Amino acid sequence: LSVPKALLWLHPLLAVITVACLWTAVALWSGKADYFFNSGTFVVSLAF
């Protein structure tokens, strides 16, 4: 099927926002580091 142009731009735009927010959250994380959250951030970055 044809893909609307809005979806073609929305997916990478949301991905950039996601990765930026995740790495900012990791940098600002207070307290003990969380292994799963850090690993999830890395894996999502690989998908990016």
All heavy atoms as atom14 arrays in JSON, in Angstrom:
{
  "sequence": "LSVPKALLWLHPLLAVITVACLWTAVALWSGKADYFFNSGTFVVSLAF",
  "atom14_mask": [
    [1, 1, 1, 1, 1, 1, 1, 1, 0, 0, 0, 0, 0, 0],
    [1, 1, 1, 1, 1, 1, 0, 0, 0, 0, 0, 0, 0, 0],
    [1, 1, 1, 1, 1, 1, 1, 0, 0, 0, 0, 0, 0, 0],
    [1, 1, 1, 1, 1, 1, 1, 0, 0, 0, 0, 0, 0, 0],
    [1, 1, 1, 1, 1, 1, 1, 1, 1, 0, 0, 0, 0, 0],
    [1, 1, 1, 1, 1, 0, 0, 0, 0, 0, 0, 0, 0, 0],
    [1, 1, 1, 1, 1, 1, 1, 1, 0, 0, 0, 0, 0, 0],
    [1, 1, 1, 1, 1, 1, 1, 1, 0, 0, 0, 0, 0, 0],
    [1, 1, 1, 1, 1, 1, 1, 1, 1, 1, 1, 1, 1, 1],
    [1, 1, 1, 1, 1, 1, 1, 1, 0, 0, 0, 0, 0, 0],
    [1, 1, 1, 1, 1, 1, 1, 1, 1, 1, 0, 0, 0, 0],
    [1, 1, 1, 1, 1, 1, 1, 0, 0, 0, 0, 0, 0, 0],
    [1, 1, 1, 1, 1, 1, 1, 1, 0, 0, 0, 0, 0, 0],
    [1, 1, 1, 1, 1, 1, 1, 1, 0, 0, 0, 0, 0, 0],
    [1, 1, 1, 1, 1, 0, 0, 0, 0, 0, 0, 0, 0, 0],
    [1, 1, 1, 1, 1, 1, 1, 0, 0, 0, 0, 0, 0, 0],
    [1, 1, 1, 1, 1, 1, 1, 1, 0, 0, 0, 0, 0, 0],
    [1, 1, 1, 1, 1, 1, 1, 0, 0, 0, 0, 0, 0, 0],
    [1, 1, 1, 1, 1, 1, 1, 0, 0, 0, 0, 0, 0, 0],
    [1, 1, 1, 1, 1, 0, 0, 0, 0, 0, 0, 0, 0, 0],
    [1, 1, 1, 1, 1, 1, 0, 0, 0, 0, 0, 0, 0, 0],
    [1, 1, 1, 1, 1, 1, 1, 1, 0, 0, 0, 0, 0, 0],
    [1, 1, 1, 1, 1, 1, 1, 1, 1, 1, 1, 1, 1, 1],
    [1, 1, 1, 1, 1, 1, 1, 0, 0, 0, 0, 0, 0, 0],
    [1, 1, 1, 1, 1, 0, 0, 0, 0, 0, 0, 0, 0, 0],
    [1, 1, 1, 1, 1, 1, 1, 0, 0, 0, 0, 0, 0, 0],
    [1, 1, 1, 1, 1, 0, 0, 0, 0, 0, 0, 0, 0, 0],
    [1, 1, 1, 1, 1, 1, 1, 1, 0, 0, 0, 0, 0, 0],
    [1, 1, 1, 1, 1, 1, 1, 1, 1, 1, 1, 1, 1, 1],
    [1, 1, 1, 1, 1, 1, 0, 0, 0, 0, 0, 0, 0, 0],
    [1, 1, 1, 1, 0, 0, 0, 0, 0, 0, 0, 0, 0, 0],
    [1, 1, 1, 1, 1, 1, 1, 1, 1, 0, 0, 0, 0, 0],
    [1, 1, 1, 1, 1, 0, 0, 0, 0, 0, 0, 0, 0, 0],
    [1, 1, 1, 1, 1, 1, 1, 1, 0, 0, 0, 0, 0, 0],
    [1, 1, 1, 1, 1, 1, 1, 1, 1, 1, 1, 1, 0, 0],
    [1, 1, 1, 1, 1, 1, 1, 1, 1, 1, 1, 0, 0, 0],
    [1, 1, 1, 1, 1, 1, 1, 1, 1, 1, 1, 0, 0, 0],
    [1, 1, 1, 1, 1, 1, 1, 1, 0, 0, 0, 0, 0, 0],
    [1, 1, 1, 1, 1, 1, 0, 0, 0, 0, 0, 0, 0, 0],
    [1, 1, 1, 1, 0, 0, 0, 0, 0, 0, 0, 0, 0, 0],
    [1, 1, 1, 1, 1, 1, 1, 0, 0, 0, 0, 0, 0, 0],
    [1, 1, 1, 1, 1, 1, 1, 1, 1, 1, 1, 0, 0, 0],
    [1, 1, 1, 1, 1, 1, 1, 0, 0, 0, 0, 0, 0, 0],
    [1, 1, 1, 1, 1, 1, 1, 0, 0, 0, 0, 0, 0, 0],
    [1, 1, 1, 1, 1, 1, 0, 0, 0, 0, 0, 0, 0, 0],
    [1, 1, 1, 1, 1, 1, 1, 1, 0, 0, 0, 0, 0, 0],
    [1, 1, 1, 1, 1, 0, 0, 0, 0, 0, 0, 0, 0, 0],
    [1, 1, 1, 1, 1, 1, 1, 1, 1, 1, 1, 0, 0, 0]
  ],
  "atom14_positions": [
    [[0.83, -1.2, 0.0], [0.0, 0.0, 0.0], [0.87, 1.25, 0.0], [2.02, 1.22, 0.44], [-0.91, 0.01, 1.24], [-1.86, -1.17, 1.39], [-2.55, -1.11, 2.74], [-2.88, -1.17, 0.27], [0.0, 0.0, 0.0], [0.0, 0.0, 0.0], [0.0, 0.0, 0.0], [0.0, 0.0, 0.0], [0.0, 0.0, 0.0], [0.0, 0.0, 0.0]],
    [[0.31, 2.35, -0.45], [1.07, 3.6, -0.41], [1.16, 4.08, 1.04], [0.29, 3.81, 1.87], [0.38, 4.66, -1.27], [-0.88, 4.97, -0.72], [0.0, 0.0, 0.0], [0.0, 0.0, 0.0], [0.0, 0.0, 0.0], [0.0, 0.0, 0.0], [0.0, 0.0, 0.0], [0.0, 0.0, 0.0], [0.0, 0.0, 0.0], [0.0, 0.0, 0.0]],
    [[2.24, 4.79, 1.31], [2.48, 5.28, 2.66], [2.33, 6.79, 2.66], [2.98, 7.47, 1.86], [3.9, 4.88, 3.14], [4.16, 5.44, 4.51], [4.06, 3.37, 3.13], [0.0, 0.0, 0.0], [0.0, 0.0, 0.0], [0.0, 0.0, 0.0], [0.0, 0.0, 0.0], [0.0, 0.0, 0.0], [0.0, 0.0, 0.0], [0.0, 0.0, 0.0]],
    [[1.5, 7.33, 3.53], [1.35, 8.79, 3.59], [2.67, 9.47, 3.98], [3.44, 8.95, 4.79], [0.3, 9.0, 4.69], [-0.39, 7.7, 4.84], [0.6, 6.65, 4.45], [0.0, 0.0, 0.0], [0.0, 0.0, 0.0], [0.0, 0.0, 0.0], [0.0, 0.0, 0.0], [0.0, 0.0, 0.0], [0.0, 0.0, 0.0], [0.0, 0.0, 0.0]],
    [[2.92, 10.62, 3.36], [4.17, 11.36, 3.64], [4.3, 11.72, 5.11], [5.4, 11.74, 5.64], [4.22, 12.64, 2.8], [4.43, 12.41, 1.35], [5.89, 12.3, 1.07], [6.08, 12.26, -0.45], [7.4, 11.91, -0.81], [0.0, 0.0, 0.0], [0.0, 0.0, 0.0], [0.0, 0.0, 0.0], [0.0, 0.0, 0.0], [0.0, 0.0, 0.0]],
    [[3.19, 11.98, 5.77], [3.24, 12.34, 7.19], [3.85, 11.22, 8.02], [4.65, 11.48, 8.93], [1.84, 12.67, 7.69], [0.0, 0.0, 0.0], [0.0, 0.0, 0.0], [0.0, 0.0, 0.0], [0.0, 0.0, 0.0], [0.0, 0.0, 0.0], [0.0, 0.0, 0.0], [0.0, 0.0, 0.0], [0.0, 0.0, 0.0], [0.0, 0.0, 0.0]],
    [[3.51, 9.97, 7.71], [4.08, 8.85, 8.45], [5.57, 8.69, 8.16], [6.34, 8.32, 9.04], [3.36, 7.54, 8.1], [1.97, 7.36, 8.68], [1.41, 6.0, 8.26], [1.96, 7.49, 10.17], [0.0, 0.0, 0.0], [0.0, 0.0, 0.0], [0.0, 0.0, 0.0], [0.0, 0.0, 0.0], [0.0, 0.0, 0.0], [0.0, 0.0, 0.0]],
    [[5.96, 8.98, 6.93], [7.38, 8.87, 6.57], [8.24, 9.85, 7.35], [9.41, 9.57, 7.61], [7.57, 9.07, 5.07], [7.07, 7.96, 4.17], [7.22, 8.34, 2.71], [7.83, 6.67, 4.47], [0.0, 0.0, 0.0], [0.0, 0.0, 0.0], [0.0, 0.0, 0.0], [0.0, 0.0, 0.0], [0.0, 0.0, 0.0], [0.0, 0.0, 0.0]],
    [[7.7, 11.0, 7.7], [8.45, 11.97, 8.48], [8.21, 11.83, 9.97], [9.1, 12.17, 10.77], [8.12, 13.39, 8.03], [8.73, 13.71, 6.71], [8.1, 13.75, 5.5], [10.11, 13.94, 6.45], [9.01, 14.03, 4.51], [10.26, 14.15, 5.06], [11.24, 14.0, 7.25], [11.48, 14.41, 4.47], [12.46, 14.26, 6.66], [12.57, 14.47, 5.29]],
    [[7.04, 11.37, 10.36], [6.71, 11.27, 11.78], [7.56, 10.22, 12.49], [8.04, 10.45, 13.61], [5.22, 10.94, 11.96], [4.71, 10.89, 13.39], [4.87, 12.24, 14.06], [3.25, 10.46, 13.4], [0.0, 0.0, 0.0], [0.0, 0.0, 0.0], [0.0, 0.0, 0.0], [0.0, 0.0, 0.0], [0.0, 0.0, 0.0], [0.0, 0.0, 0.0]],
    [[7.78, 9.08, 11.84], [8.55, 8.0, 12.47], [9.98, 8.42, 12.81], [10.4, 8.29, 13.97], [8.52, 6.75, 11.58], [9.18, 5.56, 12.18], [8.74, 4.96, 13.34], [10.28, 4.86, 11.79], [9.52, 3.94, 13.62], [10.47, 3.86, 12.71], [0.0, 0.0, 0.0], [0.0, 0.0, 0.0], [0.0, 0.0, 0.0], [0.0, 0.0, 0.0]],
    [[10.76, 8.96, 11.88], [12.11, 9.38, 12.26], [12.13, 10.57, 13.21], [13.01, 10.66, 14.08], [12.79, 9.72, 10.93], [11.74, 9.79, 9.92], [10.55, 9.05, 10.44], [0.0, 0.0, 0.0], [0.0, 0.0, 0.0], [0.0, 0.0, 0.0], [0.0, 0.0, 0.0], [0.0, 0.0, 0.0], [0.0, 0.0, 0.0], [0.0, 0.0, 0.0]],
    [[11.15, 11.46, 13.1], [11.1, 12.61, 14.02], [10.88, 12.13, 15.45], [11.59, 12.56, 16.38], [9.99, 13.57, 13.59], [9.77, 14.76, 14.51], [10.99, 15.69, 14.48], [8.52, 15.51, 14.13], [0.0, 0.0, 0.0], [0.0, 0.0, 0.0], [0.0, 0.0, 0.0], [0.0, 0.0, 0.0], [0.0, 0.0, 0.0], [0.0, 0.0, 0.0]],
    [[9.92, 11.23, 15.63], [9.68, 10.67, 16.97], [10.9, 9.89, 17.47], [11.21, 9.92, 18.66], [8.45, 9.77, 16.96], [7.1, 10.47, 16.85], [5.99, 9.43, 16.7], [6.84, 11.36, 18.03], [0.0, 0.0, 0.0], [0.0, 0.0, 0.0], [0.0, 0.0, 0.0], [0.0, 0.0, 0.0], [0.0, 0.0, 0.0], [0.0, 0.0, 0.0]],
    [[11.59, 9.2, 16.56], [12.78, 8.44, 16.96], [13.89, 9.36, 17.46], [14.53, 9.06, 18.47], [13.28, 7.6, 15.78], [0.0, 0.0, 0.0], [0.0, 0.0, 0.0], [0.0, 0.0, 0.0], [0.0, 0.0, 0.0], [0.0, 0.0, 0.0], [0.0, 0.0, 0.0], [0.0, 0.0, 0.0], [0.0, 0.0, 0.0], [0.0, 0.0, 0.0]],
    [[14.11, 10.47, 16.79], [15.12, 11.43, 17.24], [14.76, 11.99, 18.61], [15.61, 12.08, 19.5], [15.3, 12.57, 16.2], [16.11, 13.71, 16.76], [15.93, 12.04, 14.93], [0.0, 0.0, 0.0], [0.0, 0.0, 0.0], [0.0, 0.0, 0.0], [0.0, 0.0, 0.0], [0.0, 0.0, 0.0], [0.0, 0.0, 0.0], [0.0, 0.0, 0.0]],
    [[13.5, 12.35, 18.78], [13.05, 12.87, 20.08], [13.21, 11.82, 21.16], [13.66, 12.12, 22.28], [11.58, 13.36, 19.98], [11.51, 14.58, 19.06], [11.02, 13.69, 21.36], [10.09, 14.98, 18.7], [0.0, 0.0, 0.0], [0.0, 0.0, 0.0], [0.0, 0.0, 0.0], [0.0, 0.0, 0.0], [0.0, 0.0, 0.0], [0.0, 0.0, 0.0]],
    [[12.87, 10.57, 20.84], [13.0, 9.48, 21.81], [14.44, 9.3, 22.26], [14.72, 9.25, 23.47], [12.49, 8.16, 21.21], [11.11, 8.29, 20.92], [12.7, 6.99, 22.17], [0.0, 0.0, 0.0], [0.0, 0.0, 0.0], [0.0, 0.0, 0.0], [0.0, 0.0, 0.0], [0.0, 0.0, 0.0], [0.0, 0.0, 0.0], [0.0, 0.0, 0.0]],
    [[15.35, 9.2, 21.31], [16.75, 8.97, 21.66], [17.32, 10.15, 22.45], [18.04, 9.95, 23.44], [17.58, 8.67, 20.39], [19.07, 8.65, 20.69], [17.15, 7.34, 19.79], [0.0, 0.0, 0.0], [0.0, 0.0, 0.0], [0.0, 0.0, 0.0], [0.0, 0.0, 0.0], [0.0, 0.0, 0.0], [0.0, 0.0, 0.0], [0.0, 0.0, 0.0]],
    [[16.97, 11.36, 22.06], [17.45, 12.54, 22.79], [16.92, 12.54, 24.23], [17.68, 12.79, 25.18], [17.02, 13.81, 22.07], [0.0, 0.0, 0.0], [0.0, 0.0, 0.0], [0.0, 0.0, 0.0], [0.0, 0.0, 0.0], [0.0, 0.0, 0.0], [0.0, 0.0, 0.0], [0.0, 0.0, 0.0], [0.0, 0.0, 0.0], [0.0, 0.0, 0.0]],
    [[15.65, 12.24, 24.4], [15.07, 12.2, 25.75], [15.66, 11.07, 26.59], [15.91, 11.25, 27.78], [13.55, 12.05, 25.67], [12.69, 13.52, 25.12], [0.0, 0.0, 0.0], [0.0, 0.0, 0.0], [0.0, 0.0, 0.0], [0.0, 0.0, 0.0], [0.0, 0.0, 0.0], [0.0, 0.0, 0.0], [0.0, 0.0, 0.0], [0.0, 0.0, 0.0]],
    [[15.88, 9.92, 25.97], [16.43, 8.79, 26.72], [17.83, 9.09, 27.23], [18.15, 8.85, 28.4], [16.45, 7.52, 25.86], [15.12, 6.84, 25.66], [15.26, 5.69, 24.66], [14.56, 6.33, 26.98], [0.0, 0.0, 0.0], [0.0, 0.0, 0.0], [0.0, 0.0, 0.0], [0.0, 0.0, 0.0], [0.0, 0.0, 0.0], [0.0, 0.0, 0.0]],
    [[18.7, 9.6, 26.37], [20.07, 9.88, 26.79], [20.11, 11.03, 27.79], [20.95, 11.04, 28.7], [20.98, 10.12, 25.59], [21.35, 8.83, 24.94], [20.88, 8.34, 23.76], [22.23, 7.83, 25.46], [21.41, 7.1, 23.52], [22.25, 6.77, 24.53], [23.0, 7.73, 26.61], [23.02, 5.62, 24.73], [23.76, 6.58, 26.8], [23.76, 5.55, 25.87]],
    [[19.2, 11.99, 27.66], [19.11, 13.05, 28.66], [18.65, 12.48, 29.99], [19.19, 12.84, 31.05], [18.14, 14.15, 28.18], [18.58, 14.63, 26.92], [18.09, 15.29, 29.17], [0.0, 0.0, 0.0], [0.0, 0.0, 0.0], [0.0, 0.0, 0.0], [0.0, 0.0, 0.0], [0.0, 0.0, 0.0], [0.0, 0.0, 0.0], [0.0, 0.0, 0.0]],
    [[17.7, 11.57, 29.97], [17.22, 10.94, 31.2], [18.33, 10.12, 31.85], [18.46, 10.13, 33.07], [16.01, 10.06, 30.91], [0.0, 0.0, 0.0], [0.0, 0.0, 0.0], [0.0, 0.0, 0.0], [0.0, 0.0, 0.0], [0.0, 0.0, 0.0], [0.0, 0.0, 0.0], [0.0, 0.0, 0.0], [0.0, 0.0, 0.0], [0.0, 0.0, 0.0]],
    [[19.13, 9.43, 31.05], [20.25, 8.66, 31.62], [21.26, 9.6, 32.26], [21.77, 9.35, 33.36], [20.92, 7.79, 30.53], [22.25, 7.24, 31.01], [20.0, 6.64, 30.12], [0.0, 0.0, 0.0], [0.0, 0.0, 0.0], [0.0, 0.0, 0.0], [0.0, 0.0, 0.0], [0.0, 0.0, 0.0], [0.0, 0.0, 0.0], [0.0, 0.0, 0.0]],
    [[21.54, 10.72, 31.6], [22.52, 11.67, 32.13], [22.02, 12.34, 33.41], [22.83, 12.63, 34.31], [22.83, 12.73, 31.08], [0.0, 0.0, 0.0], [0.0, 0.0, 0.0], [0.0, 0.0, 0.0], [0.0, 0.0, 0.0], [0.0, 0.0, 0.0], [0.0, 0.0, 0.0], [0.0, 0.0, 0.0], [0.0, 0.0, 0.0], [0.0, 0.0, 0.0]],
    [[20.73, 12.57, 33.52], [20.17, 13.26, 34.68], [19.65, 12.31, 35.76], [19.11, 12.77, 36.76], [19.03, 14.19, 34.24], [19.4, 15.3, 33.27], [18.17, 16.08, 32.85], [20.46, 16.22, 33.86], [0.0, 0.0, 0.0], [0.0, 0.0, 0.0], [0.0, 0.0, 0.0], [0.0, 0.0, 0.0], [0.0, 0.0, 0.0], [0.0, 0.0, 0.0]],
    [[19.81, 10.99, 35.55], [19.28, 10.01, 36.49], [19.92, 10.22, 37.85], [21.14, 10.25, 37.97], [19.58, 8.61, 35.98], [18.84, 7.52, 36.67], [19.21, 6.91, 37.83], [17.62, 6.91, 36.26], [18.29, 5.94, 38.16], [17.31, 5.92, 37.22], [16.76, 7.09, 35.18], [16.18, 5.13, 37.12], [15.64, 6.31, 35.09], [15.36, 5.34, 36.06]],
    [[19.1, 10.37, 38.88], [19.64, 10.54, 40.23], [19.52, 9.23, 40.98], [18.58, 8.47, 40.81], [18.89, 11.65, 40.96], [17.53, 11.32, 41.07], [0.0, 0.0, 0.0], [0.0, 0.0, 0.0], [0.0, 0.0, 0.0], [0.0, 0.0, 0.0], [0.0, 0.0, 0.0], [0.0, 0.0, 0.0], [0.0, 0.0, 0.0], [0.0, 0.0, 0.0]],
    [[20.49, 8.96, 41.81], [20.48, 7.73, 42.58], [21.23, 6.62, 41.86], [22.02, 6.85, 40.95], [0.0, 0.0, 0.0], [0.0, 0.0, 0.0], [0.0, 0.0, 0.0], [0.0, 0.0, 0.0], [0.0, 0.0, 0.0], [0.0, 0.0, 0.0], [0.0, 0.0, 0.0], [0.0, 0.0, 0.0], [0.0, 0.0, 0.0], [0.0, 0.0, 0.0]],
    [[20.94, 5.4, 42.3], [21.61, 4.23, 41.75], [21.22, 4.02, 40.28], [20.06, 4.13, 39.91], [21.22, 3.01, 42.57], [21.93, 1.74, 42.18], [21.46, 0.59, 43.05], [22.06, -0.69, 42.52], [21.43, -1.87, 43.11], [0.0, 0.0, 0.0], [0.0, 0.0, 0.0], [0.0, 0.0, 0.0], [0.0, 0.0, 0.0], [0.0, 0.0, 0.0]],
    [[22.21, 3.73, 39.45], [21.95, 3.49, 38.03], [21.1, 2.23, 37.87], [21.29, 1.24, 38.58], [23.26, 3.34, 37.27], [0.0, 0.0, 0.0], [0.0, 0.0, 0.0], [0.0, 0.0, 0.0], [0.0, 0.0, 0.0], [0.0, 0.0, 0.0], [0.0, 0.0, 0.0], [0.0, 0.0, 0.0], [0.0, 0.0, 0.0], [0.0, 0.0, 0.0]],
    [[20.18, 2.26, 36.94], [19.32, 1.13, 36.68], [19.81, 0.38, 35.45], [19.89, 0.94, 34.37], [17.88, 1.59, 36.47], [16.93, 0.42, 36.37], [16.45, -0.04, 37.41], [16.71, -0.04, 35.24], [0.0, 0.0, 0.0], [0.0, 0.0, 0.0], [0.0, 0.0, 0.0], [0.0, 0.0, 0.0], [0.0, 0.0, 0.0], [0.0, 0.0, 0.0]],
    [[20.16, -0.88, 35.65], [20.73, -1.69, 34.58], [19.76, -1.83, 33.4], [20.15, -1.68, 32.25], [21.11, -3.07, 35.13], [21.55, -4.04, 34.06], [22.83, -3.97, 33.52], [20.69, -5.01, 33.58], [23.24, -4.84, 32.54], [21.08, -5.89, 32.6], [22.35, -5.8, 32.08], [22.74, -6.66, 31.09], [0.0, 0.0, 0.0], [0.0, 0.0, 0.0]],
    [[18.5, -2.1, 33.68], [17.53, -2.34, 32.61], [17.25, -1.06, 31.82], [17.16, -1.1, 30.6], [16.23, -2.92, 33.16], [16.35, -4.34, 33.61], [16.35, -4.67, 34.94], [16.49, -5.35, 32.68], [16.48, -5.98, 35.36], [16.61, -6.67, 33.07], [16.62, -6.98, 34.42], [0.0, 0.0, 0.0], [0.0, 0.0, 0.0], [0.0, 0.0, 0.0]],
    [[17.14, 0.08, 32.52], [16.88, 1.32, 31.8], [18.07, 1.7, 30.93], [17.91, 2.09, 29.77], [16.56, 2.46, 32.78], [16.07, 3.69, 32.09], [14.74, 3.78, 31.69], [16.91, 4.75, 31.82], [14.28, 4.91, 31.03], [16.46, 5.88, 31.16], [15.13, 5.96, 30.77], [0.0, 0.0, 0.0], [0.0, 0.0, 0.0], [0.0, 0.0, 0.0]],
    [[19.28, 1.55, 31.46], [20.47, 1.86, 30.68], [20.61, 0.92, 29.48], [20.95, 1.35, 28.38], [21.72, 1.79, 31.54], [21.77, 2.9, 32.57], [21.03, 3.88, 32.48], [22.63, 2.76, 33.56], [0.0, 0.0, 0.0], [0.0, 0.0, 0.0], [0.0, 0.0, 0.0], [0.0, 0.0, 0.0], [0.0, 0.0, 0.0], [0.0, 0.0, 0.0]],
    [[20.35, -0.36, 29.71], [20.41, -1.33, 28.61], [19.35, -1.04, 27.57], [19.6, -1.13, 26.36], [20.25, -2.76, 29.14], [21.29, -3.08, 30.02], [0.0, 0.0, 0.0], [0.0, 0.0, 0.0], [0.0, 0.0, 0.0], [0.0, 0.0, 0.0], [0.0, 0.0, 0.0], [0.0, 0.0, 0.0], [0.0, 0.0, 0.0], [0.0, 0.0, 0.0]],
    [[18.15, -0.71, 28.01], [17.07, -0.36, 27.09], [17.42, 0.86, 26.26], [17.14, 0.9, 25.05], [0.0, 0.0, 0.0], [0.0, 0.0, 0.0], [0.0, 0.0, 0.0], [0.0, 0.0, 0.0], [0.0, 0.0, 0.0], [0.0, 0.0, 0.0], [0.0, 0.0, 0.0], [0.0, 0.0, 0.0], [0.0, 0.0, 0.0], [0.0, 0.0, 0.0]],
    [[18.06, 1.84, 26.87], [18.48, 3.03, 26.14], [19.49, 2.66, 25.06], [19.42, 3.13, 23.92], [19.08, 4.07, 27.11], [18.1, 4.43, 28.07], [19.56, 5.3, 26.38], [0.0, 0.0, 0.0], [0.0, 0.0, 0.0], [0.0, 0.0, 0.0], [0.0, 0.0, 0.0], [0.0, 0.0, 0.0], [0.0, 0.0, 0.0], [0.0, 0.0, 0.0]],
    [[20.43, 1.79, 25.41], [21.43, 1.36, 24.43], [20.78, 0.58, 23.28], [21.09, 0.82, 22.11], [22.5, 0.5, 25.13], [23.54, -0.02, 24.19], [24.48, 0.84, 23.65], [23.56, -1.35, 23.84], [25.45, 0.37, 22.77], [24.52, -1.84, 22.96], [25.47, -0.97, 22.43], [0.0, 0.0, 0.0], [0.0, 0.0, 0.0], [0.0, 0.0, 0.0]],
    [[19.88, -0.32, 23.6], [19.23, -1.14, 22.56], [18.35, -0.28, 21.66], [18.35, -0.46, 20.43], [18.44, -2.3, 23.21], [17.6, -3.04, 22.2], [19.39, -3.26, 23.9], [0.0, 0.0, 0.0], [0.0, 0.0, 0.0], [0.0, 0.0, 0.0], [0.0, 0.0, 0.0], [0.0, 0.0, 0.0], [0.0, 0.0, 0.0], [0.0, 0.0, 0.0]],
    [[17.63, 0.68, 22.23], [16.82, 1.59, 21.41], [17.74, 2.42, 20.52], [17.4, 2.7, 19.36], [15.92, 2.48, 22.31], [15.32, 3.63, 21.52], [14.81, 1.64, 22.93], [0.0, 0.0, 0.0], [0.0, 0.0, 0.0], [0.0, 0.0, 0.0], [0.0, 0.0, 0.0], [0.0, 0.0, 0.0], [0.0, 0.0, 0.0], [0.0, 0.0, 0.0]],
    [[18.9, 2.8, 21.02], [19.86, 3.54, 20.2], [20.36, 2.68, 19.04], [20.57, 3.2, 17.93], [21.04, 4.01, 21.05], [20.58, 4.9, 22.06], [0.0, 0.0, 0.0], [0.0, 0.0, 0.0], [0.0, 0.0, 0.0], [0.0, 0.0, 0.0], [0.0, 0.0, 0.0], [0.0, 0.0, 0.0], [0.0, 0.0, 0.0], [0.0, 0.0, 0.0]],
    [[20.54, 1.39, 19.27], [20.92, 0.48, 18.17], [19.81, 0.43, 17.12], [20.09, 0.43, 15.92], [21.21, -0.92, 18.71], [22.48, -1.1, 19.5], [22.57, -2.54, 20.03], [23.7, -0.78, 18.67], [0.0, 0.0, 0.0], [0.0, 0.0, 0.0], [0.0, 0.0, 0.0], [0.0, 0.0, 0.0], [0.0, 0.0, 0.0], [0.0, 0.0, 0.0]],
    [[18.57, 0.37, 17.57], [17.45, 0.37, 16.62], [17.41, 1.68, 15.84], [17.1, 1.69, 14.65], [16.13, 0.16, 17.37], [0.0, 0.0, 0.0], [0.0, 0.0, 0.0], [0.0, 0.0, 0.0], [0.0, 0.0, 0.0], [0.0, 0.0, 0.0], [0.0, 0.0, 0.0], [0.0, 0.0, 0.0], [0.0, 0.0, 0.0], [0.0, 0.0, 0.0]],
    [[17.77, 2.77, 16.5], [17.83, 4.08, 15.83], [18.88, 4.07, 14.72], [18.62, 4.53, 13.6], [18.14, 5.16, 16.86], [18.24, 6.54, 16.29], [17.11, 7.24, 15.95], [19.48, 7.14, 16.12], [17.19, 8.52, 15.43], [19.58, 8.42, 15.6], [18.43, 9.11, 15.25], [0.0, 0.0, 0.0], [0.0, 0.0, 0.0], [0.0, 0.0, 0.0]]
  ]
}
